[in-house]
């Protein structure tokens, strides 16, 4: 019985040592990869070519700087910036004078501390097509 107790104690010590070593490696990795600085200031995502696609954003904190990979979707609203996310309401009616319809968006999220407008307005040309609501419906009469 004493041998079994000794083996269990030895096994417990081995597990404890392995756990402590694993925790130490995680802390060392975090220090090597990350930074202790917490007040990072991030710039806008700058595409590698043209005005959308893969790119990078630069960040600074005290005397440190980093570059992160980023991506600007090619269908983004350039006027607002790719880091400003808005919740848009439905399109308004078509204005006969201007030939455009308008809707507004309220700021939902500003990524990487971006400077975003609280409310934005967008317009688009009115559709010249007239949508028909009766698409192939036949009357349900009694024959």
Protein backbone atom coordinates (compact mmCIF):
# COMPACT_ATOMS: atom_id res chain seq x y z
CA UNK A 1 0.00 0.00 0.00
CA UNK A 2 2.82 2.42 0.78
CA UNK A 3 4.29 1.83 -2.67
CA UNK A 4 0.95 2.68 -4.29
CA UNK A 5 0.70 5.90 -2.23
CA UNK A 6 4.27 6.81 -3.15
CA UNK A 7 3.53 6.24 -6.85
CA UNK A 8 0.37 8.40 -6.65
CA UNK A 9 2.33 11.18 -4.95
CA UNK A 10 5.06 10.96 -7.60
CA UNK A 11 2.46 11.07 -10.40
CA UNK A 12 0.79 14.11 -8.82
CA UNK A 13 4.16 15.92 -8.61
CA UNK A 14 4.91 15.16 -12.27
CA UNK A 15 1.50 16.51 -13.35
CA UNK A 16 1.97 19.62 -11.24
CA UNK A 17 5.40 20.28 -12.74
CA UNK A 18 4.08 19.79 -16.30
CA UNK A 19 1.19 22.22 -15.69
CA UNK A 20 3.52 24.86 -14.25
CA UNK A 21 5.86 24.54 -17.25
CA UNK A 22 2.96 24.90 -19.70
CA UNK A 23 1.76 28.07 -17.94
CA UNK A 24 5.27 29.51 -18.02
CA UNK A 25 5.54 28.92 -21.77
CA UNK A 26 2.23 30.74 -22.39
CA UNK A 27 3.40 33.77 -20.41
CA UNK A 28 6.72 33.89 -22.29
CA UNK A 29 4.93 33.60 -25.64
CA UNK A 30 2.53 36.42 -24.75
CA UNK A 31 5.43 38.72 -23.84
CA UNK A 32 7.29 37.88 -27.05
CA UNK A 33 4.26 38.30 -29.39
CA UNK A 34 2.33 41.04 -27.62
CA UNK A 35 3.08 44.19 -25.81
CA UNK A 36 2.37 45.43 -22.33
CA UNK A 37 1.17 48.72 -23.82
CA UNK A 38 -2.62 49.02 -23.67
CA UNK A 39 -3.30 52.37 -25.36
CA UNK A 40 -2.83 51.46 -29.03
CA UNK A 41 -3.81 54.01 -31.67
CA UNK A 42 -4.67 52.42 -35.01
CA UNK A 43 -4.70 54.13 -38.38
CA UNK A 44 -7.01 53.32 -41.27
CA UNK A 45 -6.65 50.19 -43.37
CA UNK A 46 -4.45 51.06 -46.37
CA UNK A 47 -4.93 48.71 -49.35
CA UNK A 48 -1.80 47.37 -51.09
CA UNK A 49 -3.13 48.47 -54.48
CA UNK A 50 -6.10 50.46 -55.82
CA UNK A 51 -8.78 51.30 -53.24
CA UNK A 52 -9.87 47.89 -51.92
CA UNK A 53 -8.56 44.40 -51.15
CA UNK A 54 -5.76 43.23 -48.87
CA UNK A 55 -3.70 45.82 -47.05
CA UNK A 56 -2.37 46.81 -43.65
CA UNK A 57 -3.05 49.20 -40.78
CA UNK A 58 -0.37 50.74 -38.60
CA UNK A 59 -0.67 51.09 -34.85
CA UNK A 60 1.41 53.03 -32.35
CA UNK A 61 1.67 52.96 -28.59
CA UNK A 62 4.29 55.06 -26.84
CA UNK A 63 7.49 54.24 -28.80
CA UNK A 64 6.21 50.93 -30.20
CA UNK A 65 4.62 50.40 -33.60
CA UNK A 66 2.95 47.44 -35.28
CA UNK A 67 1.40 46.58 -38.63
CA UNK A 68 -1.69 44.38 -38.87
CA UNK A 69 -3.06 42.78 -41.98
CA UNK A 70 -6.51 44.00 -42.96
CA UNK A 71 -8.93 43.84 -45.85
CA UNK A 72 -11.19 46.47 -47.36
CA UNK A 73 -14.19 44.92 -49.13
CA UNK A 74 -14.51 46.15 -52.69
CA UNK A 75 -18.19 47.06 -52.16
CA UNK A 76 -17.61 49.27 -49.09
CA UNK A 77 -19.00 52.76 -48.76
CA UNK A 78 -15.85 54.80 -49.39
CA UNK A 79 -17.49 57.94 -48.03
CA UNK A 80 -17.78 56.46 -44.52
CA UNK A 81 -14.55 54.49 -44.26
CA UNK A 82 -14.24 50.73 -43.90
CA UNK A 83 -13.94 50.94 -40.09
CA UNK A 84 -17.29 52.66 -39.53
CA UNK A 85 -20.28 50.31 -39.36
CA UNK A 86 -23.81 51.75 -39.66
CA UNK A 87 -27.36 50.49 -39.21
CA UNK A 88 -29.40 51.84 -42.15
CA UNK A 89 -33.13 52.42 -42.27
CA UNK A 90 -35.29 51.66 -45.33
CA UNK A 91 -35.02 53.76 -48.48
CA UNK A 92 -37.32 56.76 -48.56
CA UNK A 93 -39.59 57.64 -51.46
CA UNK A 94 -38.32 58.95 -54.75
CA UNK A 95 -37.99 62.72 -55.00
CA UNK A 96 -39.56 63.97 -58.24
CA UNK A 97 -37.35 67.10 -58.21
CA UNK A 98 -33.96 65.38 -57.78
CA UNK A 99 -34.69 61.88 -59.11
CA UNK A 100 -32.98 60.22 -56.12
CA UNK A 101 -34.06 58.47 -52.95
CA UNK A 102 -32.36 58.86 -49.58
CA UNK A 103 -31.81 56.90 -46.37
CA UNK A 104 -29.87 57.52 -43.18
CA UNK A 105 -27.61 55.31 -41.11
CA UNK A 106 -26.82 55.48 -37.39
CA UNK A 107 -23.34 54.55 -36.19
CA UNK A 108 -23.34 51.00 -34.82
CA UNK A 109 -19.61 50.37 -34.29
CA UNK A 110 -16.32 52.21 -34.85
CA UNK A 111 -13.47 49.73 -35.31
CA UNK A 112 -9.89 50.52 -34.23
CA UNK A 113 -10.95 53.85 -32.67
CA UNK A 114 -11.90 55.24 -36.09
CA UNK A 115 -13.30 58.77 -36.25
CA UNK A 116 -16.84 58.20 -37.55
CA UNK A 117 -19.86 60.42 -38.06
CA UNK A 118 -22.81 59.54 -35.80
CA UNK A 119 -25.39 59.81 -38.62
CA UNK A 120 -24.74 59.51 -42.36
CA UNK A 121 -27.02 59.98 -45.37
CA UNK A 122 -26.80 58.14 -48.67
CA UNK A 123 -28.66 58.65 -51.93
CA UNK A 124 -29.16 56.59 -55.05
CA UNK A 125 -30.97 57.19 -58.32
CA UNK A 126 -34.60 56.21 -58.48
CA UNK A 127 -35.38 53.08 -60.42
CA UNK A 128 -36.95 53.69 -63.81
CA UNK A 129 -38.55 50.23 -63.74
CA UNK A 130 -42.12 49.87 -62.53
CA UNK A 131 -42.48 46.74 -60.45
CA UNK A 132 -45.56 44.69 -61.12
CA UNK A 133 -47.16 42.93 -58.17
CA UNK A 134 -49.21 40.48 -60.25
CA UNK A 135 -46.62 37.91 -61.26
CA UNK A 136 -48.40 35.05 -63.00
CA UNK A 137 -51.24 34.71 -60.50
CA UNK A 138 -54.36 33.17 -61.86
CA UNK A 139 -57.75 33.52 -60.27
CA UNK A 140 -58.92 30.67 -58.09
CA UNK A 141 -62.43 30.32 -59.34
CA UNK A 142 -64.80 27.38 -59.22
CA UNK A 143 -65.10 25.56 -62.52
